[in-house]
Amino acid sequence: MAIGKYTRVDGRRSSSSYCSTVTIVVFVALCLAGVWMMTSSSVVPEQNKDVSQEDKVEMKEQNEVKEQASEVDSSNTRQFEDNPGDLPEDATKGDSTVTSEDNSNSNSEDAKTEDTDKKTEDEDSKTENTESNSEATESNKESDETSTKETDSDGSEKNSGSDESENKSDNETTDGKIEEKVEQSDNNESDENSSKNTDDDSKNQKSNEVYPSGAQSELLNENKAETGSWSTQAAESKNEKESQKSSKQYSWKLCNTTAGPDFIPCLDNWKAIRSLRSTKHYEHRERHCPEEPPTCLVPLPEGYKRSVEWPKSREKIWYYNVPHTKLAKVKGHQNWVKVTGEYLTFPGGGTQFKHGALHYIDFIQESVPDILWGKRTRVILDVGCGVASFGGFLFDRDVLAMSFAPKDEHEAQVQFALERGIPAISAVMGTKRLPFPGKVFDVVHCARCRVPWHIEGGKLLLELNRVLRPGGFFVWSATPVYQKLDEDVEIWNAMKKLTKAMCWELVSISKDQVNGVGVAVYKKPTSNECYEARSKNDPPVCQDSDDPNAAWYFTQPDTFVSTERGSQWPEQWPTRLTNVPYWLSSDQVGVYGKPAPEDFSADYKHWKRVVSKSYLNGMGIQWSNIRNVMDMNAIYGGFAAALKDRSIWVMNVVSIDSADTLPIIYERGLFGIYHDWCESFSTYPRTYDLLHADHLFSKIKKRCTVDGLMAEVDRILRPEGKLIVRDTVETIEEVENMARSMKWKVRMTYSKEKEGMLCVEKSTWRPEDSETLEYAIV
């Protein structure tokens, strides 16, 4: 047909050889044209047959633009990947499967072209080849996408990190306590929102912090912890980290001591106790730390269980967690503690309030209305607290009680308190000052605390005067107040004379008919007028050069601290929590280098963001299981302030080699203590649910060993308790390595530039080998 057509058009006759040649050329040309037409028909998808080649190119470019902008076009499906930092992992898995299939259709053209001949000969064969090549193309594209994602992630992290590094440099401390930016602009927030992480389990930072935010649902339940991979590190750094972690191996042993599961290194140092010249002033109950902190692990008591949750724990705890019955036998008739089956129960009584702490608390309020529990009075000191039922029920009045008692023959008073979820430390009023600043407690309480306030010129009462805020109250509930025995009368007369010389005003003395006890309430003056008007300077007032905040291993002087002129009572709770203390001046330089008032406000905003966006929602912590919390490097107490609305309490620790910001913490209605983390803390083992260490470990390495501090963390943290560490990347790796060696569960690791964060959970694992501590053997 083709030949006849072209001969009719030509209309001429020629030689046979010429015609034959032309005929062959035309025939070949027509065959090639037919093949080309058939091939084009088989390659073009049905819906695109009428689209020109130029239109195809234009559509392809448009789709690529859409893909880069992450926009979905329903008429022309392209690849779309949810940022794993914006959605949980399980929300993105299904989408990735679907989009991979769609992507294979858009990239099948080349594969189909390669099989042109087979498609022309056999349509069925063409279909089979199309499917197989589509699958192969899909597989290849997925592998390409994986490497592309890793490359993009690396680039994004570097860009974001460089921006953050510039901002962070303006806000570093001189001693390296905190190296992260406290405040950043909204632009930096949006920059970090655009960054991607390497692993599907990792999550993207959406706030202006360098650490994960609450947009992540759950950061990790770190199944990958077994491989040692860090959730947000680039692939090439993972191998390096694993190499560094394996460079040092830790071999832990069990502490063999007389105290066993209740071992407190600085209070059970029998070698030091035996060498004391006197125990007259309770020197044997004071701290005597070993030369080197122990690096062994304290054993668990047999039958130990996870602690009862608050508020049920206020009424009962597991017997085997604190298996001591002596106190129940001695004080059982006073409703301190009773043995009830597998529980130890606490009816809420005490020596001076057998019929319950709540009635006793209300009785004090009625006697002295100005106390205003939970408003004017927020932070109190409970001396000789017993099992701390008084402090435990003050939570119902929005009051924090720092309770303390010595580790004495009654066994485990403070341990009972902490197991119940009530703040307490092991301490004694002996020869040293209490580890608190001066003029910080709103009320000091003593319910028959067996402290001889009147002896030796009232030396111990002068210590209470030091820590009591001007205008604060001393609530004394003891037999000398209401009994007429000779000894009681003698003590009362001595106290009456002493308090008058100290210018304390007796504002109330009343008797509780229900409990049958009396309570005397004294008020400390708010000015020095009374001191200056005294005819006799006895007891003497301290010199102006004396620092009332000097407390760590500081021997109690025979003088007492006077009151600052113009002292102001803080705003009522909770306003005082966020108010800048009136005595913080703009001329003072804060911890982070800003004027002190700005520093204070910036710190609070910073921790409020971190807690709300990361800790509460982004770390997988079940906060209903958290009650006893410690901030091991508290600075201004911003971390505790951010947790105000949770049913927890926070022990704010200010290291002795850090800026003395503890008075600020008390001023805002929180409490805390001075401590040296090269020594053990004055608490029983297994007493905290969560420890928070912000740039502490890297700082402690300058003076003592990290493994000693880690052993102390293991001692005071409950099994299943959490440790959150924010520090340099190198320190994070070291702490993580030690945690793994103790069989702890790594819940999350995160790093960016040179800063990192780690969250680990303590296990019940204990080593088989033991180490005998000779100084702790009776």
Foldseek 3Di string as FASTA:
>chain_A
DQLVVVCVVVVDDDDPVVSVVVSVVSVVVVVVVVLVVLLLVVLDDPVCNPPDPVRVVVVVVVLVVCVVVQHADPVQGADHFDFLQQDELVVGPVSVVVRLLSHLVVVQRVQLSVCSVVCSVDVVVSVVSSVVVSVVVSVVVVVVVLVVLLVQLVVLQVVLQVVQVVQQVLFAFPLRLFRGHLDDDVVSLVSQVPHGFNASLAHGDNGNGQDRWQSNQASFQPPVVVVVAARGDRPVVRVVLVVVLVPDADDAFEEDFPCAQFDAQQLLLQVVLVPDPDCPQPPSLAGHHDPFFDLHFGAAFPPDDQWDFPPVLLFKTFCRNFVDCLLCVVCVQLQQWHDDPRIIGGPAGDPQRSPHLVVVVVVVCVQPVVCQQQWLAAEEEEALCQLVSNQSVSVVSNHAYEYEETCDPSHCSQVNNLSSLHHYFHDDQGFFAFQAFFQQHQEYEYAQNVDLQLPPLRLSVLSVNGRHHAFHKYKYWHCLLPPDDPVSVVSVVSVVVSCVLQVWAFSGWDADPVSGTIIIMTHHHQACPSCVPDPDCGVPADDPPDGSGPGDRHGRDSHHHHHDPPDDRAGIPQVLQQDQPPPQDQVDAASRGHRNVVVLNSLLSSLLRCCNTPVPRYHPDPCSSFAEEEEQDQRQVSNQSSCVPGNYAYAYEHEPPGPPNQSNCSSNSHHYGYDHLSGAGRHTFARGQEYEYRAPLVSCVVPHDSSSSLSNVNGRHHAQGKYKYKHFPVSVSVSSSVCVSQVWRWRRWDDRDGIIMTMIGHHSDHDPHHDYDVSSYD
